[in-house]
Structures are given as structure tokens and as C-alpha cells.
Amino acid sequence: MSMNSIIINALKPYAPVAFHHYTGTETTYITFFTYNERSGLIADDDEVSTVYSIQVDIHSKGNLETLEEQVKEALKKHGFRRTWAMEVFNIETKTYRKNMSFRLEDFKE
């Protein structure tokens, strides 16, 4: 299963989820993208693990706290660890956005 499929399946029970750009009509939704993918561990010239750094953005006109906790828990169950977060407010659209970065080291079998 691809990394994008894992993220989408983990988060879709909580809100609509889109890779990079959401085109739906809901006012609360989640977007995500991978901003860094690199070798984590190399042994005998083979990549033993891959490290993925992803950004998950929650967009909403209301309170983000419950959805934020759901996202953190859902991704934690898949081995992701949150590395940072920040919150912004768009005055023009009156929309809150919580940006969260997560890291996962995926070991090859």
C-alpha cells in the first residue's frame, strides 16, 4: 500500500482528505503532502528503511482541537510521530488552519 493510501485511509473517518488540494464543498477538511522522503538506514548498499516527513493541514471555520487529536491518534497508530505544529488564521476567508508535521521510518522487509 502506498504512503498516500495509508494516510488517506487513516484520516478519512474524521473529515474529507485530499492530497495537496481539496476541491470539495465541506468547510472542514484535511490536506497532506510528503515534503521529504529519504533513506533512513543503509546496509550493504541497500536501503533498509525509508524516512517519510509529511505535512498534514486541518482546515476549518470552527474549533480544530477535537479533529487535531483524532489526526494525531490515527497517524500514531500507523507509526507516525508528530515533529512540529503551528496554527494560522486567514482573515479573508475566516478559516483556521493547523499545520502539523509527522515523521515515519518505514523498514523494508
PDB file of N, CA and C in Angstrom:
ATOM      1  N   MET A   1       0.853  -1.181   0.000  1.00  0.00           N
ATOM      2  CA  MET A   1       0.000   0.000   0.000  1.00  0.00           C
ATOM      3  C   MET A   1       0.894   1.238   0.000  1.00  0.00           C
ATOM      4  N   SER A   2       0.519   2.226  -0.805  1.00  0.00           N
ATOM      5  CA  SER A   2       1.320   3.442  -0.900  1.00  0.00           C
ATOM      6  C   SER A   2       1.175   4.288   0.366  1.00  0.00           C
ATOM      7  N   MET A   3       2.141   5.160   0.583  1.00  0.00           N
ATOM      8  CA  MET A   3       2.111   6.044   1.745  1.00  0.00           C
ATOM      9  C   MET A   3       0.866   6.938   1.696  1.00  0.00           C
ATOM     10  N   ASN A   4       0.527   7.456   0.511  1.00  0.00           N
ATOM     11  CA  ASN A   4      -0.662   8.309   0.391  1.00  0.00           C
ATOM     12  C   ASN A   4      -1.925   7.542   0.774  1.00  0.00           C
ATOM     13  N   SER A   5      -2.046   6.285   0.343  1.00  0.00           N
ATOM     14  CA  SER A   5      -3.217   5.470   0.684  1.00  0.00           C
ATOM     15  C   SER A   5      -3.309   5.232   2.183  1.00  0.00           C
ATOM     16  N   ILE A   6      -2.178   5.004   2.823  1.00  0.00           N
ATOM     17  CA  ILE A   6      -2.157   4.796   4.277  1.00  0.00           C
ATOM     18  C   ILE A   6      -2.685   6.035   4.986  1.00  0.00           C
ATOM     19  N   ILE A   7      -2.207   7.202   4.575  1.00  0.00           N
ATOM     20  CA  ILE A   7      -2.621   8.457   5.209  1.00  0.00           C
ATOM     21  C   ILE A   7      -4.105   8.722   4.965  1.00  0.00           C
ATOM     22  N   ILE A   8      -4.538   8.571   3.732  1.00  0.00           N
ATOM     23  CA  ILE A   8      -5.951   8.813   3.406  1.00  0.00           C
ATOM     24  C   ILE A   8      -6.855   7.878   4.199  1.00  0.00           C
ATOM     25  N   ASN A   9      -6.538   6.593   4.209  1.00  0.00           N
ATOM     26  CA  ASN A   9      -7.367   5.626   4.931  1.00  0.00           C
ATOM     27  C   ASN A   9      -7.377   5.879   6.435  1.00  0.00           C
ATOM     28  N   ALA A  10      -6.262   6.353   6.978  1.00  0.00           N
ATOM     29  CA  ALA A  10      -6.190   6.634   8.416  1.00  0.00           C
ATOM     30  C   ALA A  10      -7.036   7.842   8.795  1.00  0.00           C
ATOM     31  N   LEU A  11      -7.118   8.829   7.916  1.00  0.00           N
ATOM     32  CA  LEU A  11      -7.764  10.101   8.268  1.00  0.00           C
ATOM     33  C   LEU A  11      -9.188  10.268   7.750  1.00  0.00           C
ATOM     34  N   LYS A  12      -9.590   9.516   6.744  1.00  0.00           N
ATOM     35  CA  LYS A  12     -10.908   9.744   6.144  1.00  0.00           C
ATOM     36  C   LYS A  12     -12.103   9.488   7.065  1.00  0.00           C
ATOM     37  N   PRO A  13     -11.964   8.710   8.150  1.00  0.00           N
ATOM     38  CA  PRO A  13     -13.124   8.604   9.048  1.00  0.00           C
ATOM     39  C   PRO A  13     -13.460   9.921   9.768  1.00  0.00           C
ATOM     40  N   TYR A  14     -12.544  10.877   9.784  1.00  0.00           N
ATOM     41  CA  TYR A  14     -12.722  12.090  10.575  1.00  0.00           C
ATOM     42  C   TYR A  14     -13.128  13.320   9.769  1.00  0.00           C
ATOM     43  N   ALA A  15     -12.718  13.377   8.503  1.00  0.00           N
ATOM     44  CA  ALA A  15     -13.032  14.525   7.641  1.00  0.00           C
ATOM     45  C   ALA A  15     -12.617  14.163   6.220  1.00  0.00           C
ATOM     46  N   PRO A  16     -13.128  14.885   5.231  1.00  0.00           N
ATOM     47  CA  PRO A  16     -12.646  14.650   3.870  1.00  0.00           C
ATOM     48  C   PRO A  16     -11.127  14.890   3.808  1.00  0.00           C
ATOM     49  N   VAL A  17     -10.431  14.039   3.049  1.00  0.00           N
ATOM     50  CA  VAL A  17      -8.965  14.108   2.964  1.00  0.00           C
ATOM     51  C   VAL A  17      -8.554  14.225   1.502  1.00  0.00           C
ATOM     52  N   ALA A  18      -7.597  15.108   1.224  1.00  0.00           N
ATOM     53  CA  ALA A  18      -7.115  15.268  -0.145  1.00  0.00           C
ATOM     54  C   ALA A  18      -5.596  15.417  -0.150  1.00  0.00           C
ATOM     55  N   PHE A  19      -4.993  14.875  -1.182  1.00  0.00           N
ATOM     56  CA  PHE A  19      -3.558  15.036  -1.412  1.00  0.00           C
ATOM     57  C   PHE A  19      -3.338  16.421  -2.025  1.00  0.00           C
ATOM     58  N   HIS A  20      -2.634  17.273  -1.352  1.00  0.00           N
ATOM     59  CA  HIS A  20      -2.283  18.645  -1.743  1.00  0.00           C
ATOM     60  C   HIS A  20      -3.456  19.629  -1.750  1.00  0.00           C
ATOM     61  N   HIS A  21      -4.506  19.361  -2.521  1.00  0.00           N
ATOM     62  CA  HIS A  21      -5.537  20.388  -2.727  1.00  0.00           C
ATOM     63  C   HIS A  21      -6.929  19.770  -2.648  1.00  0.00           C
ATOM     64  N   TYR A  22      -7.771  20.340  -1.811  1.00  0.00           N
ATOM     65  CA  TYR A  22      -9.151  19.867  -1.643  1.00  0.00           C
ATOM     66  C   TYR A  22     -10.073  20.656  -2.563  1.00  0.00           C
ATOM     67  N   THR A  23     -10.926  19.958  -3.304  1.00  0.00           N
ATOM     68  CA  THR A  23     -11.830  20.629  -4.240  1.00  0.00           C
ATOM     69  C   THR A  23     -13.300  20.446  -3.862  1.00  0.00           C
ATOM     70  N   GLY A  24     -13.557  19.856  -2.710  1.00  0.00           N
ATOM     71  CA  GLY A  24     -14.942  19.633  -2.288  1.00  0.00           C
ATOM     72  C   GLY A  24     -15.578  20.882  -1.717  1.00  0.00           C
ATOM     73  N   THR A  25     -16.730  20.677  -1.077  1.00  0.00           N
ATOM     74  CA  THR A  25     -17.511  21.813  -0.569  1.00  0.00           C
ATOM     75  C   THR A  25     -17.561  21.889   0.958  1.00  0.00           C
ATOM     76  N   GLU A  26     -17.032  20.894   1.639  1.00  0.00           N
ATOM     77  CA  GLU A  26     -17.039  20.908   3.109  1.00  0.00           C
ATOM     78  C   GLU A  26     -16.162  22.044   3.621  1.00  0.00           C
ATOM     79  N   THR A  27     -16.543  22.626   4.755  1.00  0.00           N
ATOM     80  CA  THR A  27     -15.723  23.710   5.326  1.00  0.00           C
ATOM     81  C   THR A  27     -14.656  23.183   6.277  1.00  0.00           C
ATOM     82  N   THR A  28     -14.768  21.918   6.673  1.00  0.00           N
ATOM     83  CA  THR A  28     -13.728  21.266   7.474  1.00  0.00           C
ATOM     84  C   THR A  28     -13.181  20.114   6.655  1.00  0.00           C
ATOM     85  N   TYR A  29     -11.871  20.137   6.442  1.00  0.00           N
ATOM     86  CA  TYR A  29     -11.241  19.088   5.632  1.00  0.00           C
ATOM     87  C   TYR A  29      -9.752  19.023   5.955  1.00  0.00           C
ATOM     88  N   ILE A  30      -9.102  17.975   5.435  1.00  0.00           N
ATOM     89  CA  ILE A  30      -7.681  17.722   5.686  1.00  0.00           C
ATOM     90  C   ILE A  30      -6.958  17.624   4.352  1.00  0.00           C
ATOM     91  N   THR A  31      -5.803  18.274   4.263  1.00  0.00           N
ATOM     92  CA  THR A  31      -4.916  18.090   3.117  1.00  0.00           C
ATOM     93  C   THR A  31      -3.566  17.615   3.643  1.00  0.00           C
ATOM     94  N   PHE A  32      -2.790  16.978   2.784  1.00  0.00           N
ATOM     95  CA  PHE A  32      -1.481  16.484   3.206  1.00  0.00           C
ATOM     96  C   PHE A  32      -0.550  16.370   2.001  1.00  0.00           C
ATOM     97  N   PHE A  33       0.735  16.306   2.285  1.00  0.00           N
ATOM     98  CA  PHE A  33       1.740  16.033   1.262  1.00  0.00           C
ATOM     99  C   PHE A  33       3.021  15.569   1.950  1.00  0.00           C
ATOM    100  N   THR A  34       3.858  14.896   1.186  1.00  0.00           N
ATOM    101  CA  THR A  34       5.180  14.484   1.666  1.00  0.00           C
ATOM    102  C   THR A  34       6.163  15.580   1.290  1.00  0.00           C
ATOM    103  N   TYR A  35       6.884  16.113   2.270  1.00  0.00           N
ATOM    104  CA  TYR A  35       7.845  17.157   1.943  1.00  0.00           C
ATOM    105  C   TYR A  35       9.285  16.673   2.003  1.00  0.00           C
ATOM    106  N   ASN A  36       9.500  15.450   2.488  1.00  0.00           N
ATOM    107  CA  ASN A  36      10.838  14.877   2.479  1.00  0.00           C
ATOM    108  C   ASN A  36      10.715  13.366   2.544  1.00  0.00           C
ATOM    109  N   GLU A  37      11.418  12.694   1.659  1.00  0.00           N
ATOM    110  CA  GLU A  37      11.499  11.231   1.659  1.00  0.00           C
ATOM    111  C   GLU A  37      12.962  10.896   1.434  1.00  0.00           C
ATOM    112  N   ARG A  38      13.539  10.147   2.373  1.00  0.00           N
ATOM    113  CA  ARG A  38      14.978   9.884   2.267  1.00  0.00           C
ATOM    114  C   ARG A  38      15.304   8.505   2.824  1.00  0.00           C
ATOM    115  N   SER A  39      16.508   8.039   2.518  1.00  0.00           N
ATOM    116  CA  SER A  39      16.985   6.790   3.097  1.00  0.00           C
ATOM    117  C   SER A  39      17.187   6.991   4.587  1.00  0.00           C
ATOM    118  N   GLY A  40      16.738   6.032   5.364  1.00  0.00           N
ATOM    119  CA  GLY A  40      16.927   6.110   6.801  1.00  0.00           C
ATOM    120  C   GLY A  40      18.117   5.282   7.249  1.00  0.00           C
ATOM    121  N   LEU A  41      18.164   4.061   6.783  1.00  0.00           N
ATOM    122  CA  LEU A  41      19.220   3.136   7.162  1.00  0.00           C
ATOM    123  C   LEU A  41      19.667   2.407   5.905  1.00  0.00           C
ATOM    124  N   ILE A  42      20.974   2.372   5.696  1.00  0.00           N
ATOM    125  CA  ILE A  42      21.538   1.677   4.544  1.00  0.00           C
ATOM    126  C   ILE A  42      22.499   0.618   5.071  1.00  0.00           C
ATOM    127  N   ALA A  43      22.340  -0.608   4.562  1.00  0.00           N
ATOM    128  CA  ALA A  43      23.214  -1.720   4.952  1.00  0.00           C
ATOM    129  C   ALA A  43      23.595  -2.484   3.692  1.00  0.00           C
ATOM    130  N   ASP A  44      24.861  -2.725   3.533  1.00  0.00           N
ATOM    131  CA  ASP A  44      25.372  -3.432   2.344  1.00  0.00           C
ATOM    132  C   ASP A  44      24.858  -2.792   1.055  1.00  0.00           C
ATOM    133  N   ASP A  45      24.889  -1.473   0.999  1.00  0.00           N
ATOM    134  CA  ASP A  45      24.464  -0.683  -0.157  1.00  0.00           C
ATOM    135  C   ASP A  45      22.979  -0.818  -0.500  1.00  0.00           C
ATOM    136  N   ASP A  46      22.190  -1.321   0.428  1.00  0.00           N
ATOM    137  CA  ASP A  46      20.747  -1.416   0.228  1.00  0.00           C
ATOM    138  C   ASP A  46      20.023  -0.518   1.233  1.00  0.00           C
ATOM    139  N   GLU A  47      18.947   0.087   0.779  1.00  0.00           N
ATOM    140  CA  GLU A  47      18.120   0.909   1.662  1.00  0.00           C
ATOM    141  C   GLU A  47      17.270  -0.022   2.528  1.00  0.00           C
ATOM    142  N   VAL A  48      17.551  -0.019   3.804  1.00  0.00           N
ATOM    143  CA  VAL A  48      16.835  -0.873   4.750  1.00  0.00           C
ATOM    144  C   VAL A  48      15.585  -0.171   5.275  1.00  0.00           C
ATOM    145  N   SER A  49      15.634   1.150   5.356  1.00  0.00           N
ATOM    146  CA  SER A  49      14.470   1.911   5.800  1.00  0.00           C
ATOM    147  C   SER A  49      14.380   3.225   5.031  1.00  0.00           C
ATOM    148  N   THR A  50      13.152   3.706   4.915  1.00  0.00           N
ATOM    149  CA  THR A  50      12.879   4.991   4.287  1.00  0.00           C
ATOM    150  C   THR A  50      12.203   5.877   5.329  1.00  0.00           C
ATOM    151  N   VAL A  51      12.649   7.120   5.426  1.00  0.00           N
ATOM    152  CA  VAL A  51      12.060   8.071   6.356  1.00  0.00           C
ATOM    153  C   VAL A  51      11.170   9.026   5.557  1.00  0.00           C
ATOM    154  N   TYR A  52       9.908   9.095   5.976  1.00  0.00           N
ATOM    155  CA  TYR A  52       8.939   9.989   5.344  1.00  0.00           C
ATOM    156  C   TYR A  52       8.619  11.131   6.301  1.00  0.00           C
ATOM    157  N   SER A  53       8.675  12.345   5.787  1.00  0.00           N
ATOM    158  CA  SER A  53       8.219  13.512   6.538  1.00  0.00           C
ATOM    159  C   SER A  53       7.021  14.062   5.791  1.00  0.00           C
ATOM    160  N   ILE A  54       5.883  14.135   6.480  1.00  0.00           N
ATOM    161  CA  ILE A  54       4.660  14.599   5.842  1.00  0.00           C
ATOM    162  C   ILE A  54       4.113  15.810   6.584  1.00  0.00           C
ATOM    163  N   GLN A  55       3.383  16.630   5.850  1.00  0.00           N
ATOM    164  CA  GLN A  55       2.670  17.729   6.481  1.00  0.00           C
ATOM    165  C   GLN A  55       1.187  17.470   6.316  1.00  0.00           C
ATOM    166  N   VAL A  56       0.460  17.573   7.410  1.00  0.00           N
ATOM    167  CA  VAL A  56      -0.988  17.424   7.423  1.00  0.00           C
ATOM    168  C   VAL A  56      -1.569  18.761   7.846  1.00  0.00           C
ATOM    169  N   ASP A  57      -2.488  19.282   7.037  1.00  0.00           N
ATOM    170  CA  ASP A  57      -3.126  20.562   7.337  1.00  0.00           C
ATOM    171  C   ASP A  57      -4.609  20.331   7.569  1.00  0.00           C
ATOM    172  N   ILE A  58      -5.096  20.793   8.703  1.00  0.00           N
ATOM    173  CA  ILE A  58      -6.518  20.750   9.009  1.00  0.00           C
ATOM    174  C   ILE A  58      -7.072  22.139   8.737  1.00  0.00           C
ATOM    175  N   HIS A  59      -8.121  22.206   7.945  1.00  0.00           N
ATOM    176  CA  HIS A  59      -8.755  23.472   7.584  1.00  0.00           C
ATOM    177  C   HIS A  59     -10.169  23.471   8.156  1.00  0.00           C
ATOM    178  N   SER A  60     -10.561  24.562   8.818  1.00  0.00           N
ATOM    179  CA  SER A  60     -11.907  24.610   9.388  1.00  0.00           C
ATOM    180  C   SER A  60     -12.304  26.040   9.728  1.00  0.00           C
ATOM    181  N   LYS A  61     -13.583  26.282   9.730  1.00  0.00           N
ATOM    182  CA  LYS A  61     -14.104  27.571  10.183  1.00  0.00           C
ATOM    183  C   LYS A  61     -14.417  27.524  11.672  1.00  0.00           C
ATOM    184  N   GLY A  62     -14.262  26.352  12.291  1.00  0.00           N
ATOM    185  CA  GLY A  62     -14.564  26.198  13.706  1.00  0.00           C
ATOM    186  C   GLY A  62     -13.371  25.703  14.508  1.00  0.00           C
ATOM    187  N   ASN A  63     -13.657  25.169  15.666  1.00  0.00           N
ATOM    188  CA  ASN A  63     -12.637  24.686  16.587  1.00  0.00           C
ATOM    189  C   ASN A  63     -11.924  23.471  16.001  1.00  0.00           C
ATOM    190  N   LEU A  64     -10.608  23.490  16.047  1.00  0.00           N
ATOM    191  CA  LEU A  64      -9.791  22.422  15.470  1.00  0.00           C
ATOM    192  C   LEU A  64      -9.341  21.369  16.479  1.00  0.00           C
ATOM    193  N   GLU A  65      -9.545  21.602  17.762  1.00  0.00           N
ATOM    194  CA  GLU A  65      -8.926  20.763  18.800  1.00  0.00           C
ATOM    195  C   GLU A  65      -9.309  19.295  18.706  1.00  0.00           C
ATOM    196  N   THR A  66     -10.590  18.979  18.558  1.00  0.00           N
ATOM    197  CA  THR A  66     -11.005  17.575  18.512  1.00  0.00           C
ATOM    198  C   THR A  66     -10.427  16.880  17.292  1.00  0.00           C
ATOM    199  N   LEU A  67     -10.551  17.510  16.135  1.00  0.00           N
ATOM    200  CA  LEU A  67     -10.023  16.917  14.905  1.00  0.00           C
ATOM    201  C   LEU A  67      -8.506  16.778  14.971  1.00  0.00           C
ATOM    202  N   GLU A  68      -7.848  17.734  15.569  1.00  0.00           N
ATOM    203  CA  GLU A  68      -6.388  17.652  15.728  1.00  0.00           C
ATOM    204  C   GLU A  68      -6.002  16.409  16.526  1.00  0.00           C
ATOM    205  N   GLU A  69      -6.678  16.166  17.625  1.00  0.00           N
ATOM    206  CA  GLU A  69      -6.385  14.981  18.439  1.00  0.00           C
ATOM    207  C   GLU A  69      -6.683  13.692  17.680  1.00  0.00           C
ATOM    208  N   GLN A  70      -7.761  13.675  16.903  1.00  0.00           N
ATOM    209  CA  GLN A  70      -8.100  12.494  16.114  1.00  0.00           C
ATOM    210  C   GLN A  70      -7.030  12.210  15.065  1.00  0.00           C
ATOM    211  N   VAL A  71      -6.549  13.242  14.422  1.00  0.00           N
ATOM    212  CA  VAL A  71      -5.496  13.087  13.413  1.00  0.00           C
ATOM    213  C   VAL A  71      -4.221  12.555  14.056  1.00  0.00           C
ATOM    214  N   LYS A  72      -3.826  13.148  15.169  1.00  0.00           N
ATOM    215  CA  LYS A  72      -2.606  12.691  15.853  1.00  0.00           C
ATOM    216  C   LYS A  72      -2.717  11.227  16.251  1.00  0.00           C
ATOM    217  N   GLU A  73      -3.843  10.827  16.821  1.00  0.00           N
ATOM    218  CA  GLU A  73      -4.040   9.440  17.260  1.00  0.00           C
ATOM    219  C   GLU A  73      -4.076   8.475  16.075  1.00  0.00           C
ATOM    220  N   ALA A  74      -4.778   8.853  15.010  1.00  0.00           N
ATOM    221  CA  ALA A  74      -4.886   7.991  13.835  1.00  0.00           C
ATOM    222  C   ALA A  74      -3.522   7.745  13.199  1.00  0.00           C
ATOM    223  N   LEU A  75      -2.722   8.792  13.083  1.00  0.00           N
ATOM    224  CA  LEU A  75      -1.400   8.619  12.474  1.00  0.00           C
ATOM    225  C   LEU A  75      -0.439   7.899  13.424  1.00  0.00           C
ATOM    226  N   LYS A  76      -0.585   8.123  14.712  1.00  0.00           N
ATOM    227  CA  LYS A  76       0.248   7.426  15.697  1.00  0.00           C
ATOM    228  C   LYS A  76       0.046   5.906  15.594  1.00  0.00           C
ATOM    229  N   LYS A  77      -1.192   5.482  15.355  1.00  0.00           N
ATOM    230  CA  LYS A  77      -1.487   4.047  15.211  1.00  0.00           C
ATOM    231  C   LYS A  77      -0.767   3.430  14.016  1.00  0.00           C
ATOM    232  N   HIS A  78      -0.379   4.272  13.048  1.00  0.00           N
ATOM    233  CA  HIS A  78       0.339   3.799  11.868  1.00  0.00           C
ATOM    234  C   HIS A  78       1.847   4.036  11.984  1.00  0.00           C
ATOM    235  N   GLY A  79       2.302   4.436  13.167  1.00  0.00           N
ATOM    236  CA  GLY A  79       3.735   4.588  13.401  1.00  0.00           C
ATOM    237  C   GLY A  79       4.289   5.976  13.211  1.00  0.00           C
ATOM    238  N   PHE A  80       3.447   6.943  12.873  1.00  0.00           N
ATOM    239  CA  PHE A  80       3.919   8.310  12.692  1.00  0.00           C
ATOM    240  C   PHE A  80       4.111   8.986  14.043  1.00  0.00           C
ATOM    241  N   ARG A  81       5.082   9.894  14.090  1.00  0.00           N
ATOM    242  CA  ARG A  81       5.315  10.717  15.279  1.00  0.00           C
ATOM    243  C   ARG A  81       5.280  12.176  14.854  1.00  0.00           C
ATOM    244  N   ARG A  82       4.549  12.988  15.621  1.00  0.00           N
ATOM    245  CA  ARG A  82       4.451  14.417  15.302  1.00  0.00           C
ATOM    246  C   ARG A  82       5.766  15.095  15.656  1.00  0.00           C
ATOM    247  N   THR A  83       6.259  15.954  14.761  1.00  0.00           N
ATOM    248  CA  THR A  83       7.521  16.648  15.000  1.00  0.00           C
ATOM    249  C   THR A  83       7.347  18.141  15.259  1.00  0.00           C
ATOM    250  N   TRP A  84       6.299  18.757  14.719  1.00  0.00           N
ATOM    251  CA  TRP A  84       6.014  20.164  14.989  1.00  0.00           C
ATOM    252  C   TRP A  84       4.601  20.498  14.535  1.00  0.00           C
ATOM    253  N   ALA A  85       4.138  21.644  14.970  1.00  0.00           N
ATOM    254  CA  ALA A  85       2.808  22.118  14.565  1.00  0.00           C
ATOM    255  C   ALA A  85       2.757  23.633  14.685  1.00  0.00           C
ATOM    256  N   MET A  86       1.849  24.227  13.910  1.00  0.00           N
ATOM    257  CA  MET A  86       1.593  25.658  14.022  1.00  0.00           C
ATOM    258  C   MET A  86       0.167  25.920  13.570  1.00  0.00           C
ATOM    259  N   GLU A  87      -0.385  27.010  14.041  1.00  0.00           N
ATOM    260  CA  GLU A  87      -1.764  27.348  13.699  1.00  0.00           C
ATOM    261  C   GLU A  87      -1.800  28.735  13.085  1.00  0.00           C
ATOM    262  N   VAL A  88      -2.610  28.885  12.032  1.00  0.00           N
ATOM    263  CA  VAL A  88      -2.764  30.185  11.382  1.00  0.00           C
ATOM    264  C   VAL A  88      -4.250  30.458  11.163  1.00  0.00           C
ATOM    265  N   PHE A  89      -4.570  31.714  10.962  1.00  0.00           N
ATOM    266  CA  PHE A  89      -5.949  32.126  10.694  1.00  0.00           C
ATOM    267  C   PHE A  89      -5.949  33.036   9.477  1.00  0.00           C
ATOM    268  N   ASN A  90      -6.771  32.714   8.489  1.00  0.00           N
ATOM    269  CA  ASN A  90      -6.901  33.525   7.285  1.00  0.00           C
ATOM    270  C   ASN A  90      -8.040  34.518   7.507  1.00  0.00           C
ATOM    271  N   ILE A  91      -7.706  35.782   7.602  1.00  0.00           N
ATOM    272  CA  ILE A  91      -8.692  36.821   7.894  1.00  0.00           C
ATOM    273  C   ILE A  91      -9.715  36.941   6.763  1.00  0.00           C
ATOM    274  N   GLU A  92      -9.282  36.810   5.512  1.00  0.00           N
ATOM    275  CA  GLU A  92     -10.184  36.966   4.372  1.00  0.00           C
ATOM    276  C   GLU A  92     -11.256  35.876   4.326  1.00  0.00           C
ATOM    277  N   THR A  93     -10.859  34.614   4.556  1.00  0.00           N
ATOM    278  CA  THR A  93     -11.816  33.501   4.473  1.00  0.00           C
ATOM    279  C   THR A  93     -12.369  33.107   5.835  1.00  0.00           C
ATOM    280  N   LYS A  94     -11.815  33.702   6.886  1.00  0.00           N
ATOM    281  CA  LYS A  94     -12.203  33.381   8.266  1.00  0.00           C
ATOM    282  C   LYS A  94     -12.078  31.875   8.539  1.00  0.00           C
ATOM    283  N   THR A  95     -10.954  31.334   8.085  1.00  0.00           N
ATOM    284  CA  THR A  95     -10.690  29.905   8.207  1.00  0.00           C
ATOM    285  C   THR A  95      -9.429  29.677   9.034  1.00  0.00           C
ATOM    286  N   TYR A  96      -9.523  28.729   9.965  1.00  0.00           N
ATOM    287  CA  TYR A  96      -8.364  28.303  10.745  1.00  0.00           C
ATOM    288  C   TYR A  96      -7.649  27.185   9.996  1.00  0.00           C
ATOM    289  N   ARG A  97      -6.331  27.120  10.167  1.00  0.00           N
ATOM    290  CA  ARG A  97      -5.562  26.024   9.601  1.00  0.00           C
ATOM    291  C   ARG A  97      -4.517  25.592  10.614  1.00  0.00           C
ATOM    292  N   LYS A  98      -4.495  24.320  10.903  1.00  0.00           N
ATOM    293  CA  LYS A  98      -3.479  23.744  11.790  1.00  0.00           C
ATOM    294  C   LYS A  98      -2.549  22.932  10.912  1.00  0.00           C
ATOM    295  N   ASN A  99      -1.279  23.340  10.864  1.00  0.00           N
ATOM    296  CA  ASN A  99      -0.259  22.614  10.112  1.00  0.00           C
ATOM    297  C   ASN A  99       0.478  21.715  11.094  1.00  0.00           C
ATOM    298  N   MET A 100       0.584  20.444  10.757  1.00  0.00           N
ATOM    299  CA  MET A 100       1.310  19.502  11.608  1.00  0.00           C
ATOM    300  C   MET A 100       2.260  18.684  10.749  1.00  0.00           C
ATOM    301  N   SER A 101       3.449  18.491  11.248  1.00  0.00           N
ATOM    302  CA  SER A 101       4.438  17.675  10.565  1.00  0.00           C
ATOM    303  C   SER A 101       4.588  16.358  11.322  1.00  0.00           C
ATOM    304  N   PHE A 102       4.677  15.272  10.554  1.00  0.00           N
ATOM    305  CA  PHE A 102       4.847  13.944  11.129  1.00  0.00           C
ATOM    306  C   PHE A 102       6.005  13.244  10.434  1.00  0.00           C
ATOM    307  N   ARG A 103       6.602  12.306  11.152  1.00  0.00           N
ATOM    308  CA  ARG A 103       7.734  11.544  10.641  1.00  0.00           C
ATOM    309  C   ARG A 103       7.452  10.058  10.839  1.00  0.00           C
ATOM    310  N   LEU A 104       7.819   9.265   9.823  1.00  0.00           N
ATOM    311  CA  LEU A 104       7.680   7.815   9.914  1.00  0.00           C
ATOM    312  C   LEU A 104       8.909   7.175   9.282  1.00  0.00           C
ATOM    313  N   GLU A 105       9.514   6.242  10.000  1.00  0.00           N
ATOM    314  CA  GLU A 105      10.599   5.461   9.416  1.00  0.00           C
ATOM    315  C   GLU A 105      10.025   4.086   9.087  1.00  0.00           C
ATOM    316  N   ASP A 106      10.026   3.764   7.789  1.00  0.00           N
ATOM    317  CA  ASP A 106       9.445   2.533   7.289  1.00  0.00           C
ATOM    318  C   ASP A 106      10.571   1.554   6.957  1.00  0.00           C
ATOM    319  N   PHE A 107      10.616   0.447   7.703  1.00  0.00           N
ATOM    320  CA  PHE A 107      11.651  -0.559   7.492  1.00  0.00           C
ATOM    321  C   PHE A 107      11.194  -1.574   6.455  1.00  0.00           C
ATOM    322  N   LYS A 108      12.057  -1.855   5.495  1.00  0.00           N
ATOM    323  CA  LYS A 108      11.759  -2.826   4.427  1.00  0.00           C
ATOM    324  C   LYS A 108      11.815  -4.227   5.018  1.00  0.00           C
ATOM    325  N   GLU A 109      11.020  -5.100   4.458  1.00  0.00           N
ATOM    326  CA  GLU A 109      11.022  -6.489   4.947  1.00  0.00           C
ATOM    327  C   GLU A 109      12.011  -7.339   4.204  1.00  0.00           C
TER     328      GLU A 109
END
